[in-house]
């Protein structure tokens, strides 16, 4: 007996959920883009870091697998939460020059490297955190 749901030749074309990128924006050469939840503190912190909202209606560029974006005013926005009681329902498409983005990422990596370099596993042995045993049967 054949299960009609397993016969791939008769199924419509589909995109699995894990491959859908609902918040993806197409690449713009020389820029880094992302959707930022539209809350005052979040948008302000991005703007202070050099990010700008995408204003050009022609820049309304979503990944072909993504849902279409809407234009409210001239800023590219997307509904990210359909719950009317949610504290944040929309996200704004923002961008920053790739050069500045890369500098920020390098700076962030320096801090990670500093923290990782300070890790000394021998400190745990000295503090007695290596006691006990485990047996797997």
N, C-alpha and C. Protein backbone atom coordinates (compact mmCIF):
# COMPACT_ATOMS: atom_id res chain seq x y z
N UNK A 1 0.84 -1.18 0.00
CA UNK A 1 0.00 0.00 0.00
C UNK A 1 0.89 1.25 0.00
N UNK A 2 0.56 2.22 -0.82
CA UNK A 2 1.35 3.43 -0.96
C UNK A 2 0.65 4.59 -0.26
N UNK A 3 1.40 5.34 0.50
CA UNK A 3 0.86 6.51 1.18
C UNK A 3 0.86 7.67 0.20
N UNK A 4 -0.31 8.25 -0.08
CA UNK A 4 -0.39 9.33 -1.06
C UNK A 4 0.41 10.56 -0.66
N UNK A 5 0.67 10.72 0.65
CA UNK A 5 1.43 11.89 1.11
C UNK A 5 2.93 11.71 0.87
N UNK A 6 3.39 10.48 0.71
CA UNK A 6 4.81 10.23 0.52
C UNK A 6 5.22 10.24 -0.95
N UNK A 7 4.27 10.19 -1.86
CA UNK A 7 4.57 10.17 -3.29
C UNK A 7 4.98 11.58 -3.72
N UNK A 8 6.29 11.81 -3.80
CA UNK A 8 6.80 13.16 -4.07
C UNK A 8 6.47 13.66 -5.47
N UNK A 9 6.20 12.78 -6.38
CA UNK A 9 5.89 13.21 -7.75
C UNK A 9 4.53 13.90 -7.83
N UNK A 10 3.67 13.67 -6.85
CA UNK A 10 2.33 14.24 -6.88
C UNK A 10 2.16 15.41 -5.91
N UNK A 11 3.21 15.67 -5.12
CA UNK A 11 3.12 16.77 -4.16
C UNK A 11 3.42 18.09 -4.84
N UNK A 12 2.78 19.18 -4.41
CA UNK A 12 3.14 20.50 -4.94
C UNK A 12 4.53 20.90 -4.44
N UNK A 13 5.20 21.77 -5.18
CA UNK A 13 6.51 22.27 -4.76
C UNK A 13 6.35 23.01 -3.45
N UNK A 14 7.25 22.81 -2.52
CA UNK A 14 7.17 23.46 -1.22
C UNK A 14 8.54 23.90 -0.76
N UNK A 15 8.56 24.83 0.20
CA UNK A 15 9.79 25.27 0.83
C UNK A 15 9.69 24.96 2.32
N UNK A 16 10.51 24.04 2.83
CA UNK A 16 10.45 23.69 4.25
C UNK A 16 10.67 24.93 5.12
N UNK A 17 10.06 24.93 6.30
CA UNK A 17 10.15 26.08 7.20
C UNK A 17 11.59 26.47 7.52
N UNK A 18 12.46 25.48 7.70
CA UNK A 18 13.84 25.81 8.08
C UNK A 18 14.62 26.47 6.94
N UNK A 19 14.08 26.46 5.73
CA UNK A 19 14.75 27.11 4.61
C UNK A 19 14.12 28.45 4.25
N UNK A 20 13.03 28.79 4.90
CA UNK A 20 12.38 30.07 4.64
C UNK A 20 13.09 31.14 5.46
N UNK A 21 13.29 32.28 4.86
CA UNK A 21 13.96 33.39 5.55
C UNK A 21 13.03 34.59 5.48
N UNK A 22 12.04 34.62 6.34
CA UNK A 22 11.00 35.64 6.28
C UNK A 22 11.53 37.06 6.49
N UNK A 23 12.65 37.22 7.16
CA UNK A 23 13.17 38.55 7.42
C UNK A 23 14.43 38.85 6.62
N UNK A 24 14.64 38.14 5.54
CA UNK A 24 15.84 38.35 4.74
C UNK A 24 15.62 39.47 3.73
N UNK A 25 16.60 40.32 3.60
CA UNK A 25 16.59 41.37 2.58
C UNK A 25 17.71 41.06 1.60
N UNK A 26 17.50 41.37 0.35
CA UNK A 26 18.55 41.06 -0.62
C UNK A 26 19.78 41.91 -0.36
N UNK A 27 20.87 41.40 -0.86
CA UNK A 27 22.16 42.04 -0.67
C UNK A 27 22.22 43.36 -1.45
N UNK A 28 22.81 44.36 -0.84
CA UNK A 28 23.13 45.62 -1.53
C UNK A 28 24.64 45.76 -1.45
N UNK A 29 25.27 45.84 -2.57
CA UNK A 29 26.72 45.89 -2.64
C UNK A 29 27.29 46.99 -1.74
N UNK A 30 28.21 46.60 -0.87
CA UNK A 30 28.89 47.56 -0.01
C UNK A 30 28.13 47.91 1.26
N UNK A 31 27.02 47.24 1.52
CA UNK A 31 26.20 47.54 2.70
C UNK A 31 25.82 46.26 3.43
N UNK A 32 25.62 46.39 4.72
CA UNK A 32 25.08 45.31 5.55
C UNK A 32 23.67 45.73 5.92
N UNK A 33 22.72 44.82 5.73
CA UNK A 33 21.31 45.13 6.02
C UNK A 33 20.72 44.13 6.99
N UNK A 34 19.76 44.63 7.77
CA UNK A 34 19.00 43.74 8.64
C UNK A 34 17.72 44.44 9.09
N UNK A 35 16.76 43.63 9.46
CA UNK A 35 15.54 44.17 10.04
C UNK A 35 15.74 44.33 11.53
N UNK A 36 15.29 45.48 12.04
CA UNK A 36 15.45 45.81 13.45
C UNK A 36 14.06 46.06 14.02
N UNK A 37 13.74 45.36 15.13
CA UNK A 37 12.44 45.57 15.76
C UNK A 37 12.22 47.04 16.05
N UNK A 38 11.03 47.51 15.73
CA UNK A 38 10.72 48.94 15.83
C UNK A 38 10.28 49.32 17.24
N UNK A 39 11.26 49.37 18.12
CA UNK A 39 11.05 49.90 19.46
C UNK A 39 11.98 51.10 19.58
N UNK A 40 11.56 52.13 20.28
CA UNK A 40 12.36 53.37 20.31
C UNK A 40 13.82 53.15 20.72
N UNK A 41 14.06 52.41 21.78
CA UNK A 41 15.43 52.22 22.24
C UNK A 41 16.27 51.45 21.23
N UNK A 42 15.68 50.46 20.61
CA UNK A 42 16.42 49.62 19.67
C UNK A 42 16.80 50.40 18.41
N UNK A 43 15.84 51.11 17.84
CA UNK A 43 16.12 51.90 16.63
C UNK A 43 17.14 52.99 16.95
N UNK A 44 16.98 53.65 18.09
CA UNK A 44 17.91 54.71 18.48
C UNK A 44 19.33 54.17 18.64
N UNK A 45 19.48 53.01 19.27
CA UNK A 45 20.83 52.48 19.46
C UNK A 45 21.47 52.10 18.13
N UNK A 46 20.69 51.58 17.20
CA UNK A 46 21.23 51.28 15.87
C UNK A 46 21.64 52.57 15.16
N UNK A 47 20.81 53.60 15.26
CA UNK A 47 21.14 54.87 14.59
C UNK A 47 22.40 55.49 15.20
N UNK A 48 22.55 55.40 16.51
CA UNK A 48 23.76 55.92 17.16
C UNK A 48 25.00 55.15 16.71
N UNK A 49 24.82 53.90 16.30
CA UNK A 49 25.94 53.08 15.84
C UNK A 49 26.21 53.26 14.34
N UNK A 50 25.43 54.12 13.69
CA UNK A 50 25.69 54.42 12.28
C UNK A 50 24.73 53.78 11.29
N UNK A 51 23.77 53.00 11.78
CA UNK A 51 22.79 52.37 10.89
C UNK A 51 21.75 53.41 10.49
N UNK A 52 21.23 53.29 9.26
CA UNK A 52 20.18 54.20 8.79
C UNK A 52 19.01 53.38 8.25
N UNK A 53 17.79 53.88 8.43
CA UNK A 53 16.63 53.19 7.86
C UNK A 53 16.68 53.26 6.33
N UNK A 54 16.24 52.19 5.69
CA UNK A 54 16.16 52.18 4.24
C UNK A 54 14.88 52.91 3.86
N UNK A 55 15.02 54.01 3.13
CA UNK A 55 13.89 54.87 2.82
C UNK A 55 13.38 54.72 1.39
N UNK A 56 14.26 54.33 0.48
CA UNK A 56 13.92 54.30 -0.94
C UNK A 56 12.95 53.16 -1.24
N UNK A 57 11.82 53.48 -1.82
CA UNK A 57 10.85 52.44 -2.14
C UNK A 57 11.46 51.40 -3.07
N UNK A 58 12.39 51.79 -3.92
CA UNK A 58 13.06 50.83 -4.80
C UNK A 58 13.96 49.88 -4.03
N UNK A 59 14.34 50.26 -2.82
CA UNK A 59 15.17 49.40 -1.99
C UNK A 59 14.35 48.36 -1.26
N UNK A 60 13.06 48.31 -1.54
CA UNK A 60 12.17 47.32 -0.95
C UNK A 60 12.52 45.96 -1.55
N UNK A 61 13.64 45.42 -1.13
CA UNK A 61 14.17 44.22 -1.75
C UNK A 61 14.18 43.07 -0.77
N UNK A 62 13.22 42.18 -0.94
CA UNK A 62 13.18 41.03 -0.05
C UNK A 62 13.70 39.81 -0.77
N UNK A 63 14.13 38.86 0.00
CA UNK A 63 14.53 37.58 -0.54
C UNK A 63 13.31 36.97 -1.22
N UNK A 64 13.50 36.34 -2.34
CA UNK A 64 12.35 35.81 -3.08
C UNK A 64 11.57 34.80 -2.26
N UNK A 65 12.20 34.21 -1.25
CA UNK A 65 11.50 33.26 -0.39
C UNK A 65 10.76 33.94 0.74
N UNK A 66 10.98 35.24 0.91
CA UNK A 66 10.38 35.96 2.02
C UNK A 66 9.01 36.49 1.63
N UNK A 67 8.26 36.84 2.66
CA UNK A 67 6.97 37.47 2.41
C UNK A 67 7.22 38.88 1.91
N UNK A 68 6.24 39.46 1.25
CA UNK A 68 6.43 40.81 0.72
C UNK A 68 6.45 41.82 1.86
N UNK A 69 7.18 42.89 1.66
CA UNK A 69 7.29 43.95 2.64
C UNK A 69 6.22 44.98 2.37
N UNK A 70 5.89 45.77 3.36
CA UNK A 70 4.92 46.83 3.14
C UNK A 70 5.61 48.17 3.35
N UNK A 71 5.06 49.19 2.77
CA UNK A 71 5.60 50.54 2.91
C UNK A 71 4.61 51.36 3.73
N UNK A 72 5.02 51.81 4.89
CA UNK A 72 4.24 52.74 5.70
C UNK A 72 5.06 54.01 5.72
N UNK A 73 4.61 55.03 5.04
CA UNK A 73 5.45 56.20 4.84
C UNK A 73 6.52 55.82 3.84
N UNK A 74 7.76 56.23 4.08
CA UNK A 74 8.80 55.90 3.12
C UNK A 74 9.85 54.96 3.70
N UNK A 75 9.66 54.50 4.93
CA UNK A 75 10.60 53.57 5.55
C UNK A 75 10.13 52.14 5.26
N UNK A 76 11.05 51.28 4.88
CA UNK A 76 10.70 49.88 4.60
C UNK A 76 10.46 49.19 5.94
N UNK A 77 9.24 48.68 6.11
CA UNK A 77 8.84 47.98 7.34
C UNK A 77 8.28 46.63 6.99
N UNK A 78 8.32 45.74 7.98
CA UNK A 78 7.72 44.43 7.82
C UNK A 78 7.03 44.05 9.13
N UNK A 79 5.85 43.48 9.03
CA UNK A 79 5.16 43.00 10.22
C UNK A 79 5.90 41.76 10.70
N UNK A 80 6.29 41.78 11.98
CA UNK A 80 7.02 40.65 12.55
C UNK A 80 6.21 39.93 13.62
N UNK A 81 5.10 40.54 14.03
CA UNK A 81 4.25 39.92 15.03
C UNK A 81 2.82 40.37 14.76
N UNK A 82 1.94 39.43 14.50
CA UNK A 82 0.56 39.77 14.17
C UNK A 82 -0.33 39.92 15.40
N UNK A 83 0.21 39.69 16.57
CA UNK A 83 -0.53 39.84 17.81
C UNK A 83 -0.73 41.33 18.10
N UNK A 84 -1.98 41.79 18.11
CA UNK A 84 -2.23 43.23 18.30
C UNK A 84 -1.82 43.72 19.68
N UNK A 85 -1.63 42.80 20.63
CA UNK A 85 -1.21 43.19 21.98
C UNK A 85 0.30 43.16 22.16
N UNK A 86 1.01 42.79 21.13
CA UNK A 86 2.47 42.69 21.24
C UNK A 86 3.09 44.08 21.41
N UNK A 87 4.18 44.13 22.16
CA UNK A 87 4.85 45.42 22.38
C UNK A 87 5.57 45.89 21.12
N UNK A 88 5.94 44.98 20.25
CA UNK A 88 6.59 45.33 18.99
C UNK A 88 5.96 44.50 17.89
N UNK A 89 5.41 45.17 16.90
CA UNK A 89 4.74 44.45 15.82
C UNK A 89 5.45 44.58 14.49
N UNK A 90 6.31 45.57 14.33
CA UNK A 90 6.97 45.79 13.05
C UNK A 90 8.49 45.90 13.23
N UNK A 91 9.18 45.68 12.11
CA UNK A 91 10.63 45.85 12.07
C UNK A 91 10.95 46.77 10.89
N UNK A 92 12.01 47.53 11.04
CA UNK A 92 12.46 48.47 10.02
C UNK A 92 13.70 47.89 9.36
N UNK A 93 13.76 48.00 8.04
CA UNK A 93 14.97 47.59 7.33
C UNK A 93 16.01 48.70 7.50
N UNK A 94 17.16 48.33 8.07
CA UNK A 94 18.23 49.30 8.30
C UNK A 94 19.50 48.79 7.63
N UNK A 95 20.40 49.74 7.34
CA UNK A 95 21.65 49.37 6.69
C UNK A 95 22.79 50.24 7.20
N UNK A 96 24.00 49.70 7.02
CA UNK A 96 25.22 50.40 7.42
C UNK A 96 26.28 50.05 6.37
N UNK A 97 27.20 50.98 6.07
CA UNK A 97 28.26 50.62 5.13
C UNK A 97 29.03 49.39 5.62
N UNK A 98 29.31 48.48 4.73
CA UNK A 98 29.98 47.22 5.07
C UNK A 98 31.31 47.46 5.76
N UNK A 99 32.03 48.49 5.36
CA UNK A 99 33.32 48.81 5.97
C UNK A 99 33.17 49.08 7.47
N UNK A 100 32.16 49.86 7.84
CA UNK A 100 31.93 50.17 9.25
C UNK A 100 31.45 48.92 9.98
N UNK A 101 30.57 48.15 9.36
CA UNK A 101 30.08 46.91 9.95
C UNK A 101 31.26 45.97 10.26
N UNK A 102 32.15 45.81 9.29
CA UNK A 102 33.31 44.92 9.48
C UNK A 102 34.21 45.41 10.61
N UNK A 103 34.40 46.74 10.72
CA UNK A 103 35.20 47.29 11.82
C UNK A 103 34.56 46.94 13.16
N UNK A 104 33.24 47.09 13.25
CA UNK A 104 32.52 46.76 14.48
C UNK A 104 32.67 45.28 14.83
N UNK A 105 32.60 44.42 13.82
CA UNK A 105 32.73 42.98 14.06
C UNK A 105 34.14 42.63 14.53
N UNK A 106 35.15 43.28 13.96
CA UNK A 106 36.53 43.04 14.40
C UNK A 106 36.72 43.48 15.84
N UNK A 107 36.13 44.63 16.19
CA UNK A 107 36.22 45.13 17.56
C UNK A 107 35.54 44.16 18.52
N UNK A 108 34.39 43.65 18.12
CA UNK A 108 33.67 42.69 18.95
C UNK A 108 34.49 41.41 19.12
N UNK A 109 35.15 40.98 18.06
CA UNK A 109 35.95 39.76 18.12
C UNK A 109 37.17 39.94 19.02
N UNK A 110 37.75 41.15 19.04
CA UNK A 110 38.89 41.42 19.93
C UNK A 110 38.51 41.19 21.39
N UNK A 111 37.31 41.63 21.77
CA UNK A 111 36.86 41.44 23.15
C UNK A 111 36.64 39.96 23.44
N UNK A 112 36.08 39.23 22.50
CA UNK A 112 35.89 37.79 22.68
C UNK A 112 37.24 37.10 22.82
N UNK A 113 38.20 37.47 21.97
CA UNK A 113 39.53 36.89 22.03
C UNK A 113 40.21 37.19 23.36
N UNK A 114 40.03 38.42 23.86
CA UNK A 114 40.62 38.80 25.15
C UNK A 114 40.06 37.94 26.27
N UNK A 115 38.76 37.75 26.27
CA UNK A 115 38.12 36.94 27.31
C UNK A 115 38.56 35.49 27.22
N UNK A 116 38.61 34.96 26.00
CA UNK A 116 39.03 33.57 25.83
C UNK A 116 40.49 33.37 26.22
N UNK A 117 41.33 34.36 25.94
CA UNK A 117 42.76 34.25 26.29
C UNK A 117 42.95 34.27 27.80
N UNK A 118 42.03 34.90 28.51
CA UNK A 118 42.17 34.98 29.96
C UNK A 118 41.71 33.70 30.66
N UNK A 119 41.08 32.82 29.91
CA UNK A 119 40.60 31.57 30.49
C UNK A 119 41.77 30.65 30.78
N UNK A 120 41.86 30.22 32.02
CA UNK A 120 42.94 29.33 32.44
C UNK A 120 42.30 28.12 33.12
N UNK A 121 42.27 26.99 32.44
CA UNK A 121 41.63 25.81 33.03
C UNK A 121 42.27 25.38 34.34
N UNK A 122 43.54 25.70 34.54
CA UNK A 122 44.20 25.28 35.78
C UNK A 122 43.61 25.98 37.01
N UNK A 123 42.96 27.12 36.80
CA UNK A 123 42.33 27.83 37.93
C UNK A 123 41.23 27.00 38.55
N UNK A 124 40.55 26.21 37.75
CA UNK A 124 39.48 25.38 38.28
C UNK A 124 40.03 24.25 39.13
N UNK A 125 41.16 23.68 38.72
CA UNK A 125 41.79 22.61 39.50
C UNK A 125 42.25 23.16 40.85
N UNK A 126 42.77 24.38 40.87
CA UNK A 126 43.26 24.98 42.10
C UNK A 126 42.13 25.30 43.07
N UNK A 127 40.94 25.57 42.54
CA UNK A 127 39.85 25.93 43.42
C UNK A 127 39.04 24.73 43.89
N UNK A 128 39.44 23.53 43.47
CA UNK A 128 38.76 22.34 43.92
C UNK A 128 37.52 22.00 43.12
N UNK A 129 37.37 22.59 41.96
CA UNK A 129 36.19 22.33 41.16
C UNK A 129 36.32 21.05 40.34
N UNK A 130 37.44 20.36 40.48
CA UNK A 130 37.66 19.15 39.69
C UNK A 130 37.48 17.88 40.52
N UNK A 131 36.76 17.95 41.60
CA UNK A 131 36.58 16.78 42.44
C UNK A 131 35.41 15.94 41.94
N UNK A 132 35.33 14.72 42.46
CA UNK A 132 34.23 13.83 42.09
C UNK A 132 34.64 12.89 41.00
N UNK A 133 33.77 11.96 40.76
CA UNK A 133 34.03 11.03 39.67
C UNK A 133 32.72 10.62 39.02
N UNK A 134 32.85 10.00 37.86
CA UNK A 134 31.66 9.58 37.14
C UNK A 134 31.97 8.22 36.52
N UNK A 135 30.99 7.38 36.58
CA UNK A 135 31.16 6.05 36.01
C UNK A 135 29.97 5.75 35.12
N UNK A 136 30.24 5.31 33.92
CA UNK A 136 29.18 4.95 32.99
C UNK A 136 29.18 3.43 32.87
N UNK A 137 28.04 2.84 33.14
CA UNK A 137 27.94 1.36 33.07
C UNK A 137 27.14 0.96 31.87
